[in-house]
Amino acid sequence: MPGGDGTGPRGMGPGSGRGMGPCGRGARGGYGFGCGYGGRVRGMGMMPRQQTLEDEKADLQQLKENLENDLKQIQKRLEELK
């Protein structure tokens, strides 16, 4: 996330990127290690949690929407450059 200010890519909020930063799946290679959600258990610090099929489905749906949005932005920019 740019500047670590919580705004996410293009100001769309946290969790709206590709998950490649220190809080995303790309950082540790697994699910349940998010910063501020998912992996934290009250009073326990960073603890992995078992991800349900519903959680995985929701995560994948969000990723799909994010990728579609990224593709739209790329297509728009390519049109601007013509």
PDB file of N, CA and C in Angstrom:
ATOM      1  N   MET A   1       0.850  -1.170   0.000  1.00  0.00           N
ATOM      2  CA  MET A   1       0.000   0.000   0.000  1.00  0.00           C
ATOM      3  C   MET A   1       0.891   1.226   0.000  1.00  0.00           C
ATOM      4  N   PRO A   2       0.613   2.175  -0.857  1.00  0.00           N
ATOM      5  CA  PRO A   2       1.480   3.330  -1.003  1.00  0.00           C
ATOM      6  C   PRO A   2       1.620   4.112   0.298  1.00  0.00           C
ATOM      7  N   GLY A   3       2.854   4.290   0.733  1.00  0.00           N
ATOM      8  CA  GLY A   3       3.113   5.090   1.929  1.00  0.00           C
ATOM      9  C   GLY A   3       2.638   4.454   3.221  1.00  0.00           C
ATOM     10  N   GLY A   4       2.069   3.261   3.183  1.00  0.00           N
ATOM     11  CA  GLY A   4       1.578   2.606   4.396  1.00  0.00           C
ATOM     12  C   GLY A   4       0.474   3.387   5.088  1.00  0.00           C
ATOM     13  N   ASP A   5      -0.302   4.162   4.327  1.00  0.00           N
ATOM     14  CA  ASP A   5      -1.307   5.035   4.934  1.00  0.00           C
ATOM     15  C   ASP A   5      -2.705   4.427   4.994  1.00  0.00           C
ATOM     16  N   GLY A   6      -2.868   3.164   4.604  1.00  0.00           N
ATOM     17  CA  GLY A   6      -4.162   2.493   4.718  1.00  0.00           C
ATOM     18  C   GLY A   6      -5.124   2.769   3.586  1.00  0.00           C
ATOM     19  N   THR A   7      -4.686   3.532   2.573  1.00  0.00           N
ATOM     20  CA  THR A   7      -5.614   3.870   1.494  1.00  0.00           C
ATOM     21  C   THR A   7      -5.676   2.803   0.416  1.00  0.00           C
ATOM     22  N   GLY A   8      -4.701   1.933   0.339  1.00  0.00           N
ATOM     23  CA  GLY A   8      -4.687   0.899  -0.688  1.00  0.00           C
ATOM     24  C   GLY A   8      -4.346   1.469  -2.043  1.00  0.00           C
ATOM     25  N   PRO A   9      -4.269   0.601  -3.059  1.00  0.00           N
ATOM     26  CA  PRO A   9      -3.933   1.082  -4.391  1.00  0.00           C
ATOM     27  C   PRO A   9      -5.005   2.021  -4.944  1.00  0.00           C
ATOM     28  N   ARG A  10      -4.566   3.094  -5.551  1.00  0.00           N
ATOM     29  CA  ARG A  10      -5.470   4.079  -6.157  1.00  0.00           C
ATOM     30  C   ARG A  10      -6.528   4.590  -5.182  1.00  0.00           C
ATOM     31  N   GLY A  11      -6.218   4.566  -3.869  1.00  0.00           N
ATOM     32  CA  GLY A  11      -7.149   5.094  -2.876  1.00  0.00           C
ATOM     33  C   GLY A  11      -8.398   4.274  -2.679  1.00  0.00           C
ATOM     34  N   MET A  12      -8.378   2.994  -3.060  1.00  0.00           N
ATOM     35  CA  MET A  12      -9.578   2.154  -3.010  1.00  0.00           C
ATOM     36  C   MET A  12      -9.748   1.417  -1.685  1.00  0.00           C
ATOM     37  N   GLY A  13      -8.859   1.653  -0.745  1.00  0.00           N
ATOM     38  CA  GLY A  13      -8.992   1.029   0.572  1.00  0.00           C
ATOM     39  C   GLY A  13      -8.135  -0.206   0.716  1.00  0.00           C
ATOM     40  N   PRO A  14      -7.916  -0.630   1.966  1.00  0.00           N
ATOM     41  CA  PRO A  14      -7.087  -1.799   2.214  1.00  0.00           C
ATOM     42  C   PRO A  14      -7.727  -3.059   1.650  1.00  0.00           C
ATOM     43  N   GLY A  15      -6.903  -3.980   1.215  1.00  0.00           N
ATOM     44  CA  GLY A  15      -7.414  -5.235   0.674  1.00  0.00           C
ATOM     45  C   GLY A  15      -7.865  -5.133  -0.765  1.00  0.00           C
ATOM     46  N   SER A  16      -7.627  -3.970  -1.405  1.00  0.00           N
ATOM     47  CA  SER A  16      -8.103  -3.811  -2.774  1.00  0.00           C
ATOM     48  C   SER A  16      -7.006  -4.054  -3.807  1.00  0.00           C
ATOM     49  N   GLY A  17      -5.843  -4.432  -3.352  1.00  0.00           N
ATOM     50  CA  GLY A  17      -4.742  -4.695  -4.280  1.00  0.00           C
ATOM     51  C   GLY A  17      -4.581  -6.168  -4.584  1.00  0.00           C
ATOM     52  N   ARG A  18      -3.382  -6.544  -5.030  1.00  0.00           N
ATOM     53  CA  ARG A  18      -3.113  -7.914  -5.430  1.00  0.00           C
ATOM     54  C   ARG A  18      -2.616  -8.772  -4.284  1.00  0.00           C
ATOM     55  N   GLY A  19      -2.517  -8.247  -3.085  1.00  0.00           N
ATOM     56  CA  GLY A  19      -2.048  -9.024  -1.943  1.00  0.00           C
ATOM     57  C   GLY A  19      -0.555  -9.265  -1.969  1.00  0.00           C
ATOM     58  N   MET A  20       0.209  -8.395  -2.612  1.00  0.00           N
ATOM     59  CA  MET A  20       1.638  -8.593  -2.740  1.00  0.00           C
ATOM     60  C   MET A  20       2.438  -7.874  -1.658  1.00  0.00           C
ATOM     61  N   GLY A  21       1.811  -7.028  -0.884  1.00  0.00           N
ATOM     62  CA  GLY A  21       2.512  -6.281   0.161  1.00  0.00           C
ATOM     63  C   GLY A  21       2.729  -7.119   1.406  1.00  0.00           C
ATOM     64  N   PRO A  22       3.252  -6.505   2.478  1.00  0.00           N
ATOM     65  CA  PRO A  22       3.565  -7.248   3.693  1.00  0.00           C
ATOM     66  C   PRO A  22       2.341  -7.818   4.405  1.00  0.00           C
ATOM     67  N   CYS A  23       1.159  -7.354   4.065  1.00  0.00           N
ATOM     68  CA  CYS A  23      -0.055  -7.857   4.698  1.00  0.00           C
ATOM     69  C   CYS A  23      -0.793  -8.869   3.843  1.00  0.00           C
ATOM     70  N   GLY A  24      -0.371  -9.061   2.629  1.00  0.00           N
ATOM     71  CA  GLY A  24      -1.091  -9.930   1.709  1.00  0.00           C
ATOM     72  C   GLY A  24      -0.573 -11.348   1.697  1.00  0.00           C
ATOM     73  N   ARG A  25      -1.219 -12.181   0.894  1.00  0.00           N
ATOM     74  CA  ARG A  25      -0.839 -13.583   0.781  1.00  0.00           C
ATOM     75  C   ARG A  25       0.552 -13.739   0.186  1.00  0.00           C
ATOM     76  N   GLY A  26       0.932 -12.827  -0.719  1.00  0.00           N
ATOM     77  CA  GLY A  26       2.224 -12.932  -1.378  1.00  0.00           C
ATOM     78  C   GLY A  26       3.391 -12.807  -0.421  1.00  0.00           C
ATOM     79  N   ALA A  27       3.186 -12.133   0.706  1.00  0.00           N
ATOM     80  CA  ALA A  27       4.274 -11.888   1.642  1.00  0.00           C
ATOM     81  C   ALA A  27       4.710 -13.156   2.360  1.00  0.00           C
ATOM     82  N   ARG A  28       3.781 -13.994   2.721  1.00  0.00           N
ATOM     83  CA  ARG A  28       4.124 -15.182   3.489  1.00  0.00           C
ATOM     84  C   ARG A  28       3.690 -16.464   2.790  1.00  0.00           C
ATOM     85  N   GLY A  29       3.047 -16.328   1.644  1.00  0.00           N
ATOM     86  CA  GLY A  29       2.711 -17.494   0.843  1.00  0.00           C
ATOM     87  C   GLY A  29       1.555 -18.328   1.348  1.00  0.00           C
ATOM     88  N   GLY A  30       0.763 -17.812   2.283  1.00  0.00           N
ATOM     89  CA  GLY A  30      -0.351 -18.614   2.779  1.00  0.00           C
ATOM     90  C   GLY A  30      -1.520 -17.762   3.194  1.00  0.00           C
ATOM     91  N   TYR A  31      -2.625 -18.400   3.434  1.00  0.00           N
ATOM     92  CA  TYR A  31      -3.824 -17.692   3.853  1.00  0.00           C
ATOM     93  C   TYR A  31      -3.821 -17.539   5.372  1.00  0.00           C
ATOM     94  N   GLY A  32      -4.579 -16.557   5.862  1.00  0.00           N
ATOM     95  CA  GLY A  32      -4.737 -16.395   7.296  1.00  0.00           C
ATOM     96  C   GLY A  32      -3.649 -15.584   7.957  1.00  0.00           C
ATOM     97  N   PHE A  33      -2.804 -14.899   7.189  1.00  0.00           N
ATOM     98  CA  PHE A  33      -1.747 -14.088   7.774  1.00  0.00           C
ATOM     99  C   PHE A  33      -1.938 -12.612   7.468  1.00  0.00           C
ATOM    100  N   GLY A  34      -3.148 -12.137   7.363  1.00  0.00           N
ATOM    101  CA  GLY A  34      -3.376 -10.738   7.027  1.00  0.00           C
ATOM    102  C   GLY A  34      -2.974  -9.805   8.155  1.00  0.00           C
ATOM    103  N   CYS A  35      -2.694  -8.567   7.824  1.00  0.00           N
ATOM    104  CA  CYS A  35      -2.385  -7.557   8.833  1.00  0.00           C
ATOM    105  C   CYS A  35      -3.692  -6.940   9.310  1.00  0.00           C
ATOM    106  N   GLY A  36      -4.006  -7.083  10.551  1.00  0.00           N
ATOM    107  CA  GLY A  36      -5.183  -6.447  11.104  1.00  0.00           C
ATOM    108  C   GLY A  36      -6.463  -7.244  10.952  1.00  0.00           C
ATOM    109  N   TYR A  37      -6.437  -8.334  10.237  1.00  0.00           N
ATOM    110  CA  TYR A  37      -7.628  -9.176  10.113  1.00  0.00           C
ATOM    111  C   TYR A  37      -7.197 -10.587   9.774  1.00  0.00           C
ATOM    112  N   GLY A  38      -8.059 -11.519   9.952  1.00  0.00           N
ATOM    113  CA  GLY A  38      -7.781 -12.901   9.556  1.00  0.00           C
ATOM    114  C   GLY A  38      -6.835 -13.621  10.484  1.00  0.00           C
ATOM    115  N   GLY A  39      -5.589 -13.226  10.507  1.00  0.00           N
ATOM    116  CA  GLY A  39      -4.588 -13.970  11.262  1.00  0.00           C
ATOM    117  C   GLY A  39      -4.462 -13.584  12.709  1.00  0.00           C
ATOM    118  N   ARG A  40      -5.003 -12.458  13.111  1.00  0.00           N
ATOM    119  CA  ARG A  40      -4.831 -12.018  14.494  1.00  0.00           C
ATOM    120  C   ARG A  40      -5.969 -12.531  15.381  1.00  0.00           C
ATOM    121  N   VAL A  41      -5.565 -13.061  16.498  1.00  0.00           N
ATOM    122  CA  VAL A  41      -6.519 -13.514  17.500  1.00  0.00           C
ATOM    123  C   VAL A  41      -6.319 -12.632  18.724  1.00  0.00           C
ATOM    124  N   ARG A  42      -7.397 -12.151  19.306  1.00  0.00           N
ATOM    125  CA  ARG A  42      -7.292 -11.235  20.432  1.00  0.00           C
ATOM    126  C   ARG A  42      -6.348 -11.783  21.503  1.00  0.00           C
ATOM    127  N   GLY A  43      -5.344 -10.987  21.816  1.00  0.00           N
ATOM    128  CA  GLY A  43      -4.419 -11.350  22.873  1.00  0.00           C
ATOM    129  C   GLY A  43      -3.389 -12.398  22.485  1.00  0.00           C
ATOM    130  N   MET A  44      -3.408 -12.864  21.246  1.00  0.00           N
ATOM    131  CA  MET A  44      -2.515 -13.938  20.860  1.00  0.00           C
ATOM    132  C   MET A  44      -1.457 -13.505  19.848  1.00  0.00           C
ATOM    133  N   GLY A  45      -1.502 -12.272  19.330  1.00  0.00           N
ATOM    134  CA  GLY A  45      -0.547 -11.849  18.315  1.00  0.00           C
ATOM    135  C   GLY A  45      -0.871 -12.507  16.984  1.00  0.00           C
ATOM    136  N   MET A  46       0.150 -12.745  16.190  1.00  0.00           N
ATOM    137  CA  MET A  46      -0.063 -13.348  14.870  1.00  0.00           C
ATOM    138  C   MET A  46      -0.216 -14.858  15.004  1.00  0.00           C
ATOM    139  N   MET A  47      -1.404 -15.337  14.727  1.00  0.00           N
ATOM    140  CA  MET A  47      -1.684 -16.771  14.794  1.00  0.00           C
ATOM    141  C   MET A  47      -2.419 -17.154  13.519  1.00  0.00           C
ATOM    142  N   PRO A  48      -1.948 -18.155  12.805  1.00  0.00           N
ATOM    143  CA  PRO A  48      -2.691 -18.570  11.605  1.00  0.00           C
ATOM    144  C   PRO A  48      -4.036 -19.168  11.990  1.00  0.00           C
ATOM    145  N   ARG A  49      -5.012 -18.979  11.111  1.00  0.00           N
ATOM    146  CA  ARG A  49      -6.314 -19.585  11.381  1.00  0.00           C
ATOM    147  C   ARG A  49      -6.673 -20.478  10.205  1.00  0.00           C
ATOM    148  N   GLN A  50      -7.487 -21.459  10.465  1.00  0.00           N
ATOM    149  CA  GLN A  50      -7.950 -22.360   9.415  1.00  0.00           C
ATOM    150  C   GLN A  50      -8.931 -21.610   8.531  1.00  0.00           C
ATOM    151  N   GLN A  51      -8.706 -21.611   7.240  1.00  0.00           N
ATOM    152  CA  GLN A  51      -9.602 -20.931   6.329  1.00  0.00           C
ATOM    153  C   GLN A  51     -10.682 -21.900   5.857  1.00  0.00           C
ATOM    154  N   THR A  52     -11.936 -21.444   5.933  1.00  0.00           N
ATOM    155  CA  THR A  52     -13.042 -22.276   5.474  1.00  0.00           C
ATOM    156  C   THR A  52     -13.175 -22.152   3.961  1.00  0.00           C
ATOM    157  N   LEU A  53     -13.923 -23.058   3.374  1.00  0.00           N
ATOM    158  CA  LEU A  53     -14.183 -22.999   1.937  1.00  0.00           C
ATOM    159  C   LEU A  53     -14.917 -21.713   1.575  1.00  0.00           C
ATOM    160  N   GLU A  54     -15.807 -21.273   2.458  1.00  0.00           N
ATOM    161  CA  GLU A  54     -16.536 -20.031   2.218  1.00  0.00           C
ATOM    162  C   GLU A  54     -15.584 -18.844   2.217  1.00  0.00           C
ATOM    163  N   ASP A  55     -14.612 -18.845   3.156  1.00  0.00           N
ATOM    164  CA  ASP A  55     -13.611 -17.775   3.199  1.00  0.00           C
ATOM    165  C   ASP A  55     -12.786 -17.760   1.922  1.00  0.00           C
ATOM    166  N   GLU A  56     -12.358 -18.941   1.490  1.00  0.00           N
ATOM    167  CA  GLU A  56     -11.547 -19.024   0.280  1.00  0.00           C
ATOM    168  C   GLU A  56     -12.340 -18.543  -0.928  1.00  0.00           C
ATOM    169  N   LYS A  57     -13.610 -18.940  -1.006  1.00  0.00           N
ATOM    170  CA  LYS A  57     -14.459 -18.519  -2.113  1.00  0.00           C
ATOM    171  C   LYS A  57     -14.610 -16.994  -2.125  1.00  0.00           C
ATOM    172  N   ALA A  58     -14.836 -16.408  -0.961  1.00  0.00           N
ATOM    173  CA  ALA A  58     -14.974 -14.949  -0.867  1.00  0.00           C
ATOM    174  C   ALA A  58     -13.668 -14.259  -1.245  1.00  0.00           C
ATOM    175  N   ASP A  59     -12.545 -14.800  -0.787  1.00  0.00           N
ATOM    176  CA  ASP A  59     -11.238 -14.231  -1.127  1.00  0.00           C
ATOM    177  C   ASP A  59     -10.990 -14.283  -2.629  1.00  0.00           C
ATOM    178  N   LEU A  60     -11.301 -15.411  -3.232  1.00  0.00           N
ATOM    179  CA  LEU A  60     -11.096 -15.565  -4.671  1.00  0.00           C
ATOM    180  C   LEU A  60     -12.020 -14.651  -5.463  1.00  0.00           C
ATOM    181  N   GLN A  61     -13.247 -14.484  -5.002  1.00  0.00           N
ATOM    182  CA  GLN A  61     -14.186 -13.586  -5.670  1.00  0.00           C
ATOM    183  C   GLN A  61     -13.667 -12.156  -5.605  1.00  0.00           C
ATOM    184  N   GLN A  62     -13.152 -11.756  -4.438  1.00  0.00           N
ATOM    185  CA  GLN A  62     -12.599 -10.409  -4.289  1.00  0.00           C
ATOM    186  C   GLN A  62     -11.382 -10.227  -5.189  1.00  0.00           C
ATOM    187  N   LEU A  63     -10.526 -11.231  -5.243  1.00  0.00           N
ATOM    188  CA  LEU A  63      -9.351 -11.175  -6.113  1.00  0.00           C
ATOM    189  C   LEU A  63      -9.772 -11.036  -7.571  1.00  0.00           C
ATOM    190  N   LYS A  64     -10.781 -11.797  -7.984  1.00  0.00           N
ATOM    191  CA  LYS A  64     -11.296 -11.721  -9.349  1.00  0.00           C
ATOM    192  C   LYS A  64     -11.790 -10.309  -9.669  1.00  0.00           C
ATOM    193  N   GLU A  65     -12.545  -9.728  -8.751  1.00  0.00           N
ATOM    194  CA  GLU A  65     -13.065  -8.373  -8.955  1.00  0.00           C
ATOM    195  C   GLU A  65     -11.924  -7.368  -9.044  1.00  0.00           C
ATOM    196  N   ASN A  66     -10.914  -7.538  -8.189  1.00  0.00           N
ATOM    197  CA  ASN A  66      -9.766  -6.638  -8.213  1.00  0.00           C
ATOM    198  C   ASN A  66      -9.011  -6.741  -9.537  1.00  0.00           C
ATOM    199  N   LEU A  67      -8.812  -7.971 -10.021  1.00  0.00           N
ATOM    200  CA  LEU A  67      -8.111  -8.164 -11.278  1.00  0.00           C
ATOM    201  C   LEU A  67      -8.904  -7.594 -12.453  1.00  0.00           C
ATOM    202  N   GLU A  68     -10.232  -7.775 -12.423  1.00  0.00           N
ATOM    203  CA  GLU A  68     -11.072  -7.212 -13.478  1.00  0.00           C
ATOM    204  C   GLU A  68     -10.984  -5.692 -13.473  1.00  0.00           C
ATOM    205  N   ASN A  69     -10.967  -5.101 -12.277  1.00  0.00           N
ATOM    206  CA  ASN A  69     -10.841  -3.651 -12.161  1.00  0.00           C
ATOM    207  C   ASN A  69      -9.482  -3.185 -12.685  1.00  0.00           C
ATOM    208  N   ASP A  70      -8.434  -3.914 -12.333  1.00  0.00           N
ATOM    209  CA  ASP A  70      -7.102  -3.582 -12.839  1.00  0.00           C
ATOM    210  C   ASP A  70      -7.074  -3.643 -14.362  1.00  0.00           C
ATOM    211  N   LEU A  71      -7.674  -4.674 -14.928  1.00  0.00           N
ATOM    212  CA  LEU A  71      -7.710  -4.820 -16.384  1.00  0.00           C
ATOM    213  C   LEU A  71      -8.462  -3.648 -17.029  1.00  0.00           C
ATOM    214  N   LYS A  72      -9.565  -3.228 -16.436  1.00  0.00           N
ATOM    215  CA  LYS A  72     -10.313  -2.084 -16.953  1.00  0.00           C
ATOM    216  C   LYS A  72      -9.453  -0.822 -16.937  1.00  0.00           C
ATOM    217  N   GLN A  73      -8.705  -0.630 -15.843  1.00  0.00           N
ATOM    218  CA  GLN A  73      -7.829   0.536 -15.738  1.00  0.00           C
ATOM    219  C   GLN A  73      -6.734   0.497 -16.801  1.00  0.00           C
ATOM    220  N   ILE A  74      -6.184  -0.681 -17.047  1.00  0.00           N
ATOM    221  CA  ILE A  74      -5.138  -0.838 -18.070  1.00  0.00           C
ATOM    222  C   ILE A  74      -5.713  -0.544 -19.450  1.00  0.00           C
ATOM    223  N   GLN A  75      -6.891  -1.099 -19.729  1.00  0.00           N
ATOM    224  CA  GLN A  75      -7.518  -0.871 -21.032  1.00  0.00           C
ATOM    225  C   GLN A  75      -7.834   0.612 -21.236  1.00  0.00           C
ATOM    226  N   LYS A  76      -8.314   1.261 -20.184  1.00  0.00           N
ATOM    227  CA  LYS A  76      -8.617   2.690 -20.263  1.00  0.00           C
ATOM    228  C   LYS A  76      -7.352   3.483 -20.556  1.00  0.00           C
ATOM    229  N   ARG A  77      -6.276   3.162 -19.865  1.00  0.00           N
ATOM    230  CA  ARG A  77      -5.020   3.884 -20.072  1.00  0.00           C
ATOM    231  C   ARG A  77      -4.468   3.639 -21.475  1.00  0.00           C
ATOM    232  N   LEU A  78      -4.572   2.413 -21.968  1.00  0.00           N
ATOM    233  CA  LEU A  78      -4.119   2.121 -23.326  1.00  0.00           C
ATOM    234  C   LEU A  78      -4.908   2.943 -24.358  1.00  0.00           C
ATOM    235  N   GLU A  79      -6.204   3.101 -24.136  1.00  0.00           N
ATOM    236  CA  GLU A  79      -7.020   3.903 -25.035  1.00  0.00           C
ATOM    237  C   GLU A  79      -6.593   5.365 -24.988  1.00  0.00           C
ATOM    238  N   GLU A  80      -6.254   5.848 -23.788  1.00  0.00           N
ATOM    239  CA  GLU A  80      -5.798   7.229 -23.644  1.00  0.00           C
ATOM    240  C   GLU A  80      -4.490   7.479 -24.386  1.00  0.00           C
ATOM    241  N   LEU A  81      -3.660   6.454 -24.467  1.00  0.00           N
ATOM    242  CA  LEU A  81      -2.348   6.589 -25.092  1.00  0.00           C
ATOM    243  C   LEU A  81      -2.378   6.465 -26.615  1.00  0.00           C
ATOM    244  N   LYS A  82      -3.511   6.063 -27.164  1.00  0.00           N
ATOM    245  CA  LYS A  82      -3.620   5.934 -28.634  1.00  0.00           C
ATOM    246  C   LYS A  82      -3.631   7.277 -29.305  1.00  0.00           C
TER     247      LYS A  82
END
